[in-house]
Amino acid sequence: MTEGALPAGQPVTGIVEAQSRSLWGDVWVQFRGHKGAMVGCFIFFAIVFLVLFGPMIHTVDPTYLDYRAKNSGWSLTHPLGTDNYGRDIFAQVLQGGRTSLAVGITAMLLALIVGTIVGVFAGFFRWLDGPLMRLTDLFLALPLLPLLLVVVMLFRDTLRAAFGPETGIFILIVGVIGVTSWMQTARIVRGDVLALKEREFVLAARSIGTPSRRIITRHILPNILSPIMVSATLGIANAIITESAVSFLGLGFPPDFPTWGRLVSDNQNFIGLNPQWAIIPAVAISLTVLSVNFIGDGLRDALDPRIRGR
């Protein structure tokens, strides 16, 4: 057989496909085959598109009080009707979705950064493992919701005076949720780093004198993207639920600044008269959390090398 000739019986298309395959291509193929993840992506991006671009089409001010149209039913002007003050329900749901998603994504990013840093340092540097893990256990032992309520009560007036009523509460809630939600990510990342730092490519990098900082950035971090991405999807859901609980208890954003949790809280007393006022934002919260969880399940399966390719 001449050099460069194909082995007998080897199809040309199989070799071309094998050469063109990549890691992220395999991940996408596996993720695309996960029906729950694809449904979750469709629902989540539909909600994001609706809350981002919906106010450009439905231009009614969510805080405008139209007393002549209060308690009205569904119509072209008010697709979901109005509440007892004449405020448009659909406009409030769209505005509340912007706030809830912004809180969820920002708090998730903060928790992800803190958890990744703590997990990498605890797993890579043995002398930091004990103190950082004991700190993680301490935060895990703290009750999140009572702590969040206490911090909001103590610092909300100070931050409102410094940054304004909406921005101050946003910074406070995002900061507290992010700082108290990084522990699961840190423990997962630490476990992966402990396994990776004993692999041959890391030992080879150490043997030629590669600095620890370069080993972490070039060899460790790219190989722990799988748990980080899965933790990101779950972090969004947890942050949205926590913000909704705080708003439901009346300690979140101001009453004239709607969020999904605030809408459920404000309309719970009218559940017998007009149940859609509370059910619609509650369904929005549930659909967002479920879709994000389905996306996380799909990413976990797609990024797991033991499952990918089956």
C-alpha atoms as a PDB file:
ATOM      1  CA  MET A   1       0.000   0.000   0.000  1.00  0.00           C
ATOM      2  CA  THR A   2       1.458   3.366  -1.033  1.00  0.00           C
ATOM      3  CA  GLU A   3       2.081   6.153   1.448  1.00  0.00           C
ATOM      4  CA  GLY A   4      -1.057   8.157   2.150  1.00  0.00           C
ATOM      5  CA  ALA A   5      -3.373   5.444   0.820  1.00  0.00           C
ATOM      6  CA  LEU A   6      -6.458   4.573   2.827  1.00  0.00           C
ATOM      7  CA  PRO A   7      -6.723   1.187   4.555  1.00  0.00           C
ATOM      8  CA  ALA A   8      -8.979  -1.277   2.796  1.00  0.00           C
ATOM      9  CA  GLY A   9     -12.602  -0.885   3.771  1.00  0.00           C
ATOM     10  CA  GLN A  10     -12.054   2.505   5.472  1.00  0.00           C
ATOM     11  CA  PRO A  11     -14.721   4.983   4.306  1.00  0.00           C
ATOM     12  CA  VAL A  12     -13.476   8.416   3.333  1.00  0.00           C
ATOM     13  CA  THR A  13     -16.395  10.156   5.017  1.00  0.00           C
ATOM     14  CA  GLY A  14     -15.595   8.519   8.370  1.00  0.00           C
ATOM     15  CA  ILE A  15     -12.038   9.888   8.323  1.00  0.00           C
ATOM     16  CA  VAL A  16     -13.211  13.381   7.371  1.00  0.00           C
ATOM     17  CA  GLU A  17     -15.780  13.370  10.177  1.00  0.00           C
ATOM     18  CA  ALA A  18     -13.227  12.100  12.701  1.00  0.00           C
ATOM     19  CA  GLN A  19     -10.755  14.831  11.708  1.00  0.00           C
ATOM     20  CA  SER A  20     -13.372  17.577  11.844  1.00  0.00           C
ATOM     21  CA  ARG A  21     -14.707  16.625  15.271  1.00  0.00           C
ATOM     22  CA  SER A  22     -13.712  18.757  18.232  1.00  0.00           C
ATOM     23  CA  LEU A  23     -14.354  18.765  21.948  1.00  0.00           C
ATOM     24  CA  TRP A  24     -16.957  21.522  21.814  1.00  0.00           C
ATOM     25  CA  GLY A  25     -18.512  19.894  18.768  1.00  0.00           C
ATOM     26  CA  ASP A  26     -19.011  16.687  20.741  1.00  0.00           C
ATOM     27  CA  VAL A  27     -20.388  18.715  23.649  1.00  0.00           C
ATOM     28  CA  TRP A  28     -22.897  20.456  21.383  1.00  0.00           C
ATOM     29  CA  VAL A  29     -23.993  17.170  19.803  1.00  0.00           C
ATOM     30  CA  GLN A  30     -24.558  15.619  23.228  1.00  0.00           C
ATOM     31  CA  PHE A  31     -26.306  18.742  24.551  1.00  0.00           C
ATOM     32  CA  ARG A  32     -28.526  18.954  21.483  1.00  0.00           C
ATOM     33  CA  GLY A  33     -29.636  15.374  22.057  1.00  0.00           C
ATOM     34  CA  HIS A  34     -30.858  16.195  25.578  1.00  0.00           C
ATOM     35  CA  LYS A  35     -34.550  16.975  25.062  1.00  0.00           C
ATOM     36  CA  GLY A  36     -35.028  18.562  28.474  1.00  0.00           C
ATOM     37  CA  ALA A  37     -32.071  20.898  27.924  1.00  0.00           C
ATOM     38  CA  MET A  38     -33.348  22.005  24.528  1.00  0.00           C
ATOM     39  CA  VAL A  39     -36.820  22.692  25.934  1.00  0.00           C
ATOM     40  CA  GLY A  40     -35.193  24.570  28.820  1.00  0.00           C
ATOM     41  CA  CYS A  41     -33.129  26.676  26.393  1.00  0.00           C
ATOM     42  CA  PHE A  42     -36.210  27.544  24.369  1.00  0.00           C
ATOM     43  CA  ILE A  43     -38.218  28.582  27.446  1.00  0.00           C
ATOM     44  CA  PHE A  44     -35.363  30.491  29.089  1.00  0.00           C
ATOM     45  CA  PHE A  45     -34.352  32.448  25.980  1.00  0.00           C
ATOM     46  CA  ALA A  46     -38.004  33.137  25.217  1.00  0.00           C
ATOM     47  CA  ILE A  47     -38.416  34.634  28.703  1.00  0.00           C
ATOM     48  CA  VAL A  48     -35.195  36.643  28.347  1.00  0.00           C
ATOM     49  CA  PHE A  49     -36.262  37.938  24.918  1.00  0.00           C
ATOM     50  CA  LEU A  50     -39.708  38.839  26.247  1.00  0.00           C
ATOM     51  CA  VAL A  51     -38.502  40.779  29.290  1.00  0.00           C
ATOM     52  CA  LEU A  52     -35.761  42.567  27.314  1.00  0.00           C
ATOM     53  CA  PHE A  53     -37.699  43.566  24.209  1.00  0.00           C
ATOM     54  CA  GLY A  54     -41.287  43.344  25.438  1.00  0.00           C
ATOM     55  CA  PRO A  55     -41.292  46.865  26.960  1.00  0.00           C
ATOM     56  CA  MET A  56     -40.283  48.243  23.551  1.00  0.00           C
ATOM     57  CA  ILE A  57     -43.538  46.870  22.103  1.00  0.00           C
ATOM     58  CA  HIS A  58     -45.807  47.179  25.140  1.00  0.00           C
ATOM     59  CA  THR A  59     -44.806  50.704  26.133  1.00  0.00           C
ATOM     60  CA  VAL A  60     -47.175  51.153  29.089  1.00  0.00           C
ATOM     61  CA  ASP A  61     -45.415  52.458  32.225  1.00  0.00           C
ATOM     62  CA  PRO A  62     -45.648  49.700  34.883  1.00  0.00           C
ATOM     63  CA  THR A  63     -45.943  52.318  37.661  1.00  0.00           C
ATOM     64  CA  TYR A  64     -48.624  54.446  35.954  1.00  0.00           C
ATOM     65  CA  LEU A  65     -51.856  54.583  37.968  1.00  0.00           C
ATOM     66  CA  ASP A  66     -54.898  54.544  35.684  1.00  0.00           C
ATOM     67  CA  TYR A  67     -57.752  54.733  38.180  1.00  0.00           C
ATOM     68  CA  ARG A  68     -60.376  54.683  35.457  1.00  0.00           C
ATOM     69  CA  ALA A  69     -59.172  51.238  34.289  1.00  0.00           C
ATOM     70  CA  LYS A  70     -58.484  49.598  37.641  1.00  0.00           C
ATOM     71  CA  ASN A  71     -59.507  45.957  38.107  1.00  0.00           C
ATOM     72  CA  SER A  72     -60.126  45.655  34.360  1.00  0.00           C
ATOM     73  CA  GLY A  73     -59.895  42.342  32.536  1.00  0.00           C
ATOM     74  CA  TRP A  74     -57.782  41.293  29.615  1.00  0.00           C
ATOM     75  CA  SER A  75     -57.847  43.640  26.632  1.00  0.00           C
ATOM     76  CA  LEU A  76     -55.650  44.839  23.768  1.00  0.00           C
ATOM     77  CA  THR A  77     -54.528  47.829  25.830  1.00  0.00           C
ATOM     78  CA  HIS A  78     -53.881  45.721  28.924  1.00  0.00           C
ATOM     79  CA  PRO A  79     -53.173  42.114  27.795  1.00  0.00           C
ATOM     80  CA  LEU A  80     -53.228  40.764  31.362  1.00  0.00           C
ATOM     81  CA  GLY A  81     -55.564  43.342  32.852  1.00  0.00           C
ATOM     82  CA  THR A  82     -54.855  45.879  35.599  1.00  0.00           C
ATOM     83  CA  ASP A  83     -54.601  45.666  39.374  1.00  0.00           C
ATOM     84  CA  ASN A  84     -56.616  47.514  42.010  1.00  0.00           C
ATOM     85  CA  TYR A  85     -54.557  50.679  41.434  1.00  0.00           C
ATOM     86  CA  GLY A  86     -54.932  50.602  37.650  1.00  0.00           C
ATOM     87  CA  ARG A  87     -51.354  49.465  36.968  1.00  0.00           C
ATOM     88  CA  ASP A  88     -50.826  47.265  33.923  1.00  0.00           C
ATOM     89  CA  ILE A  89     -50.093  43.667  35.029  1.00  0.00           C
ATOM     90  CA  PHE A  90     -48.232  42.715  31.853  1.00  0.00           C
ATOM     91  CA  ALA A  91     -45.945  45.750  32.074  1.00  0.00           C
ATOM     92  CA  GLN A  92     -45.211  44.943  35.722  1.00  0.00           C
ATOM     93  CA  VAL A  93     -44.362  41.315  34.883  1.00  0.00           C
ATOM     94  CA  LEU A  94     -41.979  42.437  32.122  1.00  0.00           C
ATOM     95  CA  GLN A  95     -40.264  45.002  34.362  1.00  0.00           C
ATOM     96  CA  GLY A  96     -40.155  42.546  37.260  1.00  0.00           C
ATOM     97  CA  GLY A  97     -38.538  39.958  34.999  1.00  0.00           C
ATOM     98  CA  ARG A  98     -35.751  42.372  34.117  1.00  0.00           C
ATOM     99  CA  THR A  99     -34.989  42.956  37.772  1.00  0.00           C
ATOM    100  CA  SER A 100     -35.223  39.308  38.831  1.00  0.00           C
ATOM    101  CA  LEU A 101     -33.040  38.080  35.959  1.00  0.00           C
ATOM    102  CA  ALA A 102     -30.507  40.859  36.557  1.00  0.00           C
ATOM    103  CA  VAL A 103     -30.282  39.893  40.233  1.00  0.00           C
ATOM    104  CA  GLY A 104     -29.977  36.187  39.381  1.00  0.00           C
ATOM    105  CA  ILE A 105     -27.264  36.576  36.744  1.00  0.00           C
ATOM    106  CA  THR A 106     -25.205  39.156  38.664  1.00  0.00           C
ATOM    107  CA  ALA A 107     -25.361  37.249  41.949  1.00  0.00           C
ATOM    108  CA  MET A 108     -24.454  34.038  40.104  1.00  0.00           C
ATOM    109  CA  LEU A 109     -21.372  35.663  38.561  1.00  0.00           C
ATOM    110  CA  LEU A 110     -20.248  36.963  41.953  1.00  0.00           C
ATOM    111  CA  ALA A 111     -20.747  33.575  43.621  1.00  0.00           C
ATOM    112  CA  LEU A 112     -19.011  31.823  40.726  1.00  0.00           C
ATOM    113  CA  ILE A 113     -15.935  34.051  40.919  1.00  0.00           C
ATOM    114  CA  VAL A 114     -15.601  33.715  44.691  1.00  0.00           C
ATOM    115  CA  GLY A 115     -16.270  29.960  44.666  1.00  0.00           C
ATOM    116  CA  THR A 116     -13.818  29.297  41.835  1.00  0.00           C
ATOM    117  CA  ILE A 117     -11.034  31.296  43.500  1.00  0.00           C
ATOM    118  CA  VAL A 118     -11.556  29.596  46.866  1.00  0.00           C
ATOM    119  CA  GLY A 119     -11.838  26.130  45.313  1.00  0.00           C
ATOM    120  CA  VAL A 120      -8.736  26.498  43.141  1.00  0.00           C
ATOM    121  CA  PHE A 121      -6.580  27.871  45.949  1.00  0.00           C
ATOM    122  CA  ALA A 122      -7.806  25.251  48.430  1.00  0.00           C
ATOM    123  CA  GLY A 123      -7.196  22.385  46.016  1.00  0.00           C
ATOM    124  CA  PHE A 124      -3.876  23.538  44.577  1.00  0.00           C
ATOM    125  CA  PHE A 125      -2.112  24.899  47.676  1.00  0.00           C
ATOM    126  CA  ARG A 126      -2.082  22.363  50.506  1.00  0.00           C
ATOM    127  CA  TRP A 127      -1.344  24.958  53.185  1.00  0.00           C
ATOM    128  CA  LEU A 128      -4.510  26.872  52.240  1.00  0.00           C
ATOM    129  CA  ASP A 129      -6.770  23.832  52.069  1.00  0.00           C
ATOM    130  CA  GLY A 130      -7.569  23.594  55.776  1.00  0.00           C
ATOM    131  CA  PRO A 131      -8.336  27.300  56.472  1.00  0.00           C
ATOM    132  CA  LEU A 132     -10.361  27.809  53.299  1.00  0.00           C
ATOM    133  CA  MET A 133     -12.417  24.654  53.783  1.00  0.00           C
ATOM    134  CA  ARG A 134     -13.161  25.555  57.394  1.00  0.00           C
ATOM    135  CA  LEU A 135     -14.277  28.974  56.162  1.00  0.00           C
ATOM    136  CA  THR A 136     -16.498  27.231  53.619  1.00  0.00           C
ATOM    137  CA  ASP A 137     -18.007  25.031  56.328  1.00  0.00           C
ATOM    138  CA  LEU A 138     -18.679  28.142  58.420  1.00  0.00           C
ATOM    139  CA  PHE A 139     -20.610  29.779  55.591  1.00  0.00           C
ATOM    140  CA  LEU A 140     -22.490  26.558  54.914  1.00  0.00           C
ATOM    141  CA  ALA A 141     -23.639  26.524  58.540  1.00  0.00           C
ATOM    142  CA  LEU A 142     -25.105  30.032  58.274  1.00  0.00           C
ATOM    143  CA  PRO A 143     -28.868  30.223  57.583  1.00  0.00           C
ATOM    144  CA  LEU A 144     -29.011  32.161  54.328  1.00  0.00           C
ATOM    145  CA  LEU A 145     -32.490  33.677  54.443  1.00  0.00           C
ATOM    146  CA  PRO A 146     -32.388  34.966  58.066  1.00  0.00           C
ATOM    147  CA  LEU A 147     -28.881  36.330  57.447  1.00  0.00           C
ATOM    148  CA  LEU A 148     -30.066  38.050  54.299  1.00  0.00           C
ATOM    149  CA  LEU A 149     -33.018  39.607  56.116  1.00  0.00           C
ATOM    150  CA  VAL A 150     -30.786  40.903  58.931  1.00  0.00           C
ATOM    151  CA  VAL A 151     -28.253  42.408  56.503  1.00  0.00           C
ATOM    152  CA  VAL A 152     -31.008  44.073  54.473  1.00  0.00           C
ATOM    153  CA  MET A 153     -32.514  45.572  57.625  1.00  0.00           C
ATOM    154  CA  LEU A 154     -29.129  46.870  58.827  1.00  0.00           C
ATOM    155  CA  PHE A 155     -27.685  48.325  55.630  1.00  0.00           C
ATOM    156  CA  ARG A 156     -30.557  49.154  53.279  1.00  0.00           C
ATOM    157  CA  ASP A 157     -30.998  52.749  54.484  1.00  0.00           C
ATOM    158  CA  THR A 158     -27.254  53.450  54.164  1.00  0.00           C
ATOM    159  CA  LEU A 159     -27.038  52.084  50.631  1.00  0.00           C
ATOM    160  CA  ARG A 160     -30.271  53.788  49.597  1.00  0.00           C
ATOM    161  CA  ALA A 161     -28.835  57.126  50.688  1.00  0.00           C
ATOM    162  CA  ALA A 162     -25.562  56.448  48.881  1.00  0.00           C
ATOM    163  CA  PHE A 163     -26.773  54.937  45.578  1.00  0.00           C
ATOM    164  CA  GLY A 164     -30.512  55.602  45.428  1.00  0.00           C
ATOM    165  CA  PRO A 165     -33.485  53.434  46.489  1.00  0.00           C
ATOM    166  CA  GLU A 166     -33.337  50.966  43.567  1.00  0.00           C
ATOM    167  CA  THR A 167     -29.576  50.750  42.952  1.00  0.00           C
ATOM    168  CA  GLY A 168     -28.755  50.555  46.642  1.00  0.00           C
ATOM    169  CA  ILE A 169     -31.101  47.624  47.269  1.00  0.00           C
ATOM    170  CA  PHE A 170     -29.863  45.934  44.079  1.00  0.00           C
ATOM    171  CA  ILE A 171     -26.231  46.143  45.232  1.00  0.00           C
ATOM    172  CA  LEU A 172     -27.166  44.945  48.710  1.00  0.00           C
ATOM    173  CA  ILE A 173     -29.241  41.935  47.611  1.00  0.00           C
ATOM    174  CA  VAL A 174     -26.791  40.885  44.894  1.00  0.00           C
ATOM    175  CA  GLY A 175     -23.844  41.224  47.249  1.00  0.00           C
ATOM    176  CA  VAL A 176     -25.396  39.230  50.065  1.00  0.00           C
ATOM    177  CA  ILE A 177     -26.720  36.472  47.768  1.00  0.00           C
ATOM    178  CA  GLY A 178     -23.387  36.207  45.942  1.00  0.00           C
ATOM    179  CA  VAL A 179     -21.248  36.185  49.083  1.00  0.00           C
ATOM    180  CA  THR A 180     -23.409  33.517  50.737  1.00  0.00           C
ATOM    181  CA  SER A 181     -23.845  31.234  47.694  1.00  0.00           C
ATOM    182  CA  TRP A 182     -20.295  30.363  46.624  1.00  0.00           C
ATOM    183  CA  MET A 183     -19.703  27.395  48.934  1.00  0.00           C
ATOM    184  CA  GLN A 184     -21.063  24.587  46.731  1.00  0.00           C
ATOM    185  CA  THR A 185     -18.997  25.817  43.776  1.00  0.00           C
ATOM    186  CA  ALA A 186     -15.882  25.996  45.941  1.00  0.00           C
ATOM    187  CA  ARG A 187     -16.222  22.422  47.161  1.00  0.00           C
ATOM    188  CA  ILE A 188     -16.881  21.037  43.688  1.00  0.00           C
ATOM    189  CA  VAL A 189     -13.955  22.951  42.170  1.00  0.00           C
ATOM    190  CA  ARG A 190     -11.630  21.907  44.986  1.00  0.00           C
ATOM    191  CA  GLY A 191     -12.372  18.231  44.376  1.00  0.00           C
ATOM    192  CA  ASP A 192     -11.603  18.530  40.675  1.00  0.00           C
ATOM    193  CA  VAL A 193      -8.408  20.491  41.308  1.00  0.00           C
ATOM    194  CA  LEU A 194      -7.177  17.870  43.796  1.00  0.00           C
ATOM    195  CA  ALA A 195      -7.543  15.222  41.072  1.00  0.00           C
ATOM    196  CA  LEU A 196      -6.090  17.361  38.279  1.00  0.00           C
ATOM    197  CA  LYS A 197      -2.936  18.466  40.062  1.00  0.00           C
ATOM    198  CA  GLU A 198      -1.756  14.831  40.224  1.00  0.00           C
ATOM    199  CA  ARG A 199      -2.213  14.290  36.481  1.00  0.00           C
ATOM    200  CA  GLU A 200       0.791  13.773  34.244  1.00  0.00           C
ATOM    201  CA  PHE A 201       0.526  17.066  32.336  1.00  0.00           C
ATOM    202  CA  VAL A 202       0.525  19.074  35.585  1.00  0.00           C
ATOM    203  CA  LEU A 203       3.482  17.103  36.980  1.00  0.00           C
ATOM    204  CA  ALA A 204       5.325  17.659  33.699  1.00  0.00           C
ATOM    205  CA  ALA A 205       4.676  21.380  33.884  1.00  0.00           C
ATOM    206  CA  ARG A 206       6.010  21.458  37.439  1.00  0.00           C
ATOM    207  CA  SER A 207       9.104  19.466  36.473  1.00  0.00           C
ATOM    208  CA  ILE A 208      10.199  22.121  33.956  1.00  0.00           C
ATOM    209  CA  GLY A 209       9.725  24.926  36.496  1.00  0.00           C
ATOM    210  CA  THR A 210       6.404  26.378  35.342  1.00  0.00           C
ATOM    211  CA  PRO A 211       5.124  28.897  37.925  1.00  0.00           C
ATOM    212  CA  SER A 212       2.018  27.967  39.904  1.00  0.00           C
ATOM    213  CA  ARG A 213       0.104  30.916  38.483  1.00  0.00           C
ATOM    214  CA  ARG A 214       0.695  29.706  34.935  1.00  0.00           C
ATOM    215  CA  ILE A 215      -0.193  26.108  35.814  1.00  0.00           C
ATOM    216  CA  ILE A 216      -3.506  27.285  37.261  1.00  0.00           C
ATOM    217  CA  THR A 217      -4.421  29.517  34.324  1.00  0.00           C
ATOM    218  CA  ARG A 218      -3.189  27.236  31.499  1.00  0.00           C
ATOM    219  CA  HIS A 219      -3.810  23.730  32.830  1.00  0.00           C
ATOM    220  CA  ILE A 220      -6.194  23.762  35.814  1.00  0.00           C
ATOM    221  CA  LEU A 221      -8.889  26.306  34.913  1.00  0.00           C
ATOM    222  CA  PRO A 222      -9.591  25.037  31.362  1.00  0.00           C
ATOM    223  CA  ASN A 223     -10.169  21.528  32.757  1.00  0.00           C
ATOM    224  CA  ILE A 224     -12.682  22.575  35.420  1.00  0.00           C
ATOM    225  CA  LEU A 225     -15.037  24.442  33.118  1.00  0.00           C
ATOM    226  CA  SER A 226     -17.577  21.624  33.323  1.00  0.00           C
ATOM    227  CA  PRO A 227     -18.469  21.995  37.039  1.00  0.00           C
ATOM    228  CA  ILE A 228     -18.197  25.770  36.810  1.00  0.00           C
ATOM    229  CA  MET A 229     -20.728  25.982  33.968  1.00  0.00           C
ATOM    230  CA  VAL A 230     -23.132  23.623  35.705  1.00  0.00           C
ATOM    231  CA  SER A 231     -22.819  25.627  38.943  1.00  0.00           C
ATOM    232  CA  ALA A 232     -23.548  28.794  36.962  1.00  0.00           C
ATOM    233  CA  THR A 233     -26.913  27.516  35.745  1.00  0.00           C
ATOM    234  CA  LEU A 234     -27.918  26.340  39.205  1.00  0.00           C
ATOM    235  CA  GLY A 235     -26.704  29.614  40.740  1.00  0.00           C
ATOM    236  CA  ILE A 236     -29.083  31.666  38.594  1.00  0.00           C
ATOM    237  CA  ALA A 237     -32.049  29.621  39.791  1.00  0.00           C
ATOM    238  CA  ASN A 238     -31.032  29.844  43.454  1.00  0.00           C
ATOM    239  CA  ALA A 239     -30.468  33.607  43.247  1.00  0.00           C
ATOM    240  CA  ILE A 240     -33.873  34.218  41.625  1.00  0.00           C
ATOM    241  CA  ILE A 241     -35.624  32.130  44.281  1.00  0.00           C
ATOM    242  CA  THR A 242     -33.776  33.923  47.113  1.00  0.00           C
ATOM    243  CA  GLU A 243     -34.552  37.383  45.722  1.00  0.00           C
ATOM    244  CA  SER A 244     -38.189  36.394  45.275  1.00  0.00           C
ATOM    245  CA  ALA A 245     -38.366  35.213  48.885  1.00  0.00           C
ATOM    246  CA  VAL A 246     -36.896  38.488  50.186  1.00  0.00           C
ATOM    247  CA  SER A 247     -39.243  40.562  48.019  1.00  0.00           C
ATOM    248  CA  PHE A 248     -42.171  38.391  49.077  1.00  0.00           C
ATOM    249  CA  LEU A 249     -41.381  39.233  52.721  1.00  0.00           C
ATOM    250  CA  GLY A 250     -41.404  42.943  51.868  1.00  0.00           C
ATOM    251  CA  LEU A 251     -37.695  43.618  52.477  1.00  0.00           C
ATOM    252  CA  GLY A 252     -36.534  43.796  48.880  1.00  0.00           C
ATOM    253  CA  PHE A 253     -37.002  46.538  46.342  1.00  0.00           C
ATOM    254  CA  PRO A 254     -39.352  49.489  46.943  1.00  0.00           C
ATOM    255  CA  PRO A 255     -43.098  48.884  46.396  1.00  0.00           C
ATOM    256  CA  ASP A 256     -43.125  50.974  43.196  1.00  0.00           C
ATOM    257  CA  PHE A 257     -40.220  48.953  41.716  1.00  0.00           C
ATOM    258  CA  PRO A 258     -41.728  45.627  40.634  1.00  0.00           C
ATOM    259  CA  THR A 259     -40.017  42.268  40.818  1.00  0.00           C
ATOM    260  CA  TRP A 260     -41.624  38.870  40.412  1.00  0.00           C
ATOM    261  CA  GLY A 261     -41.408  38.189  44.133  1.00  0.00           C
ATOM    262  CA  ARG A 262     -42.802  41.621  44.972  1.00  0.00           C
ATOM    263  CA  LEU A 263     -45.737  41.083  42.595  1.00  0.00           C
ATOM    264  CA  VAL A 264     -46.602  37.787  44.276  1.00  0.00           C
ATOM    265  CA  SER A 265     -46.349  39.448  47.698  1.00  0.00           C
ATOM    266  CA  ASP A 266     -48.448  42.493  46.760  1.00  0.00           C
ATOM    267  CA  ASN A 267     -51.210  40.448  45.129  1.00  0.00           C
ATOM    268  CA  GLN A 268     -51.493  37.556  47.578  1.00  0.00           C
ATOM    269  CA  ASN A 269     -54.425  39.230  49.318  1.00  0.00           C
ATOM    270  CA  PHE A 270     -56.366  39.301  46.034  1.00  0.00           C
ATOM    271  CA  ILE A 271     -55.855  35.633  45.199  1.00  0.00           C
ATOM    272  CA  GLY A 272     -59.576  34.960  45.628  1.00  0.00           C
ATOM    273  CA  LEU A 273     -60.716  37.968  43.597  1.00  0.00           C
ATOM    274  CA  ASN A 274     -58.173  37.971  40.757  1.00  0.00           C
ATOM    275  CA  PRO A 275     -55.833  34.984  41.095  1.00  0.00           C
ATOM    276  CA  GLN A 276     -53.954  35.786  37.879  1.00  0.00           C
ATOM    277  CA  TRP A 277     -52.333  38.796  39.551  1.00  0.00           C
ATOM    278  CA  ALA A 278     -50.241  36.495  41.755  1.00  0.00           C
ATOM    279  CA  ILE A 279     -50.250  33.347  39.615  1.00  0.00           C
ATOM    280  CA  ILE A 280     -48.667  34.918  36.518  1.00  0.00           C
ATOM    281  CA  PRO A 281     -45.441  36.165  38.235  1.00  0.00           C
ATOM    282  CA  ALA A 282     -45.280  32.940  40.242  1.00  0.00           C
ATOM    283  CA  VAL A 283     -45.480  30.915  37.012  1.00  0.00           C
ATOM    284  CA  ALA A 284     -42.763  33.127  35.505  1.00  0.00           C
ATOM    285  CA  ILE A 285     -40.484  32.332  38.460  1.00  0.00           C
ATOM    286  CA  SER A 286     -41.224  28.608  38.196  1.00  0.00           C
ATOM    287  CA  LEU A 287     -40.652  28.447  34.436  1.00  0.00           C
ATOM    288  CA  THR A 288     -37.368  30.341  34.697  1.00  0.00           C
ATOM    289  CA  VAL A 289     -36.040  28.156  37.498  1.00  0.00           C
ATOM    290  CA  LEU A 290     -37.144  24.914  35.809  1.00  0.00           C
ATOM    291  CA  SER A 291     -35.674  25.890  32.446  1.00  0.00           C
ATOM    292  CA  VAL A 292     -32.336  26.824  34.024  1.00  0.00           C
ATOM    293  CA  ASN A 293     -32.249  23.530  35.916  1.00  0.00           C
ATOM    294  CA  PHE A 294     -32.932  21.594  32.702  1.00  0.00           C
ATOM    295  CA  ILE A 295     -30.115  23.485  30.980  1.00  0.00           C
ATOM    296  CA  GLY A 296     -27.824  22.579  33.873  1.00  0.00           C
ATOM    297  CA  ASP A 297     -28.740  18.902  33.530  1.00  0.00           C
ATOM    298  CA  GLY A 298     -27.957  19.005  29.822  1.00  0.00           C
ATOM    299  CA  LEU A 299     -24.612  20.723  30.376  1.00  0.00           C
ATOM    300  CA  ARG A 300     -23.675  18.220  33.070  1.00  0.00           C
ATOM    301  CA  ASP A 301     -24.345  15.288  30.747  1.00  0.00           C
ATOM    302  CA  ALA A 302     -22.702  16.934  27.736  1.00  0.00           C
ATOM    303  CA  LEU A 303     -19.534  17.935  29.593  1.00  0.00           C
ATOM    304  CA  ASP A 304     -19.090  14.567  31.311  1.00  0.00           C
ATOM    305  CA  PRO A 305     -16.538  12.619  29.217  1.00  0.00           C
ATOM    306  CA  ARG A 306     -17.898   9.320  30.547  1.00  0.00           C
ATOM    307  CA  ILE A 307     -21.304  10.063  28.996  1.00  0.00           C
ATOM    308  CA  ARG A 308     -20.374  12.188  25.968  1.00  0.00           C
ATOM    309  CA  GLY A 309     -20.293  10.206  22.750  1.00  0.00           C
ATOM    310  CA  ARG A 310     -22.696   7.465  23.794  1.00  0.00           C
END
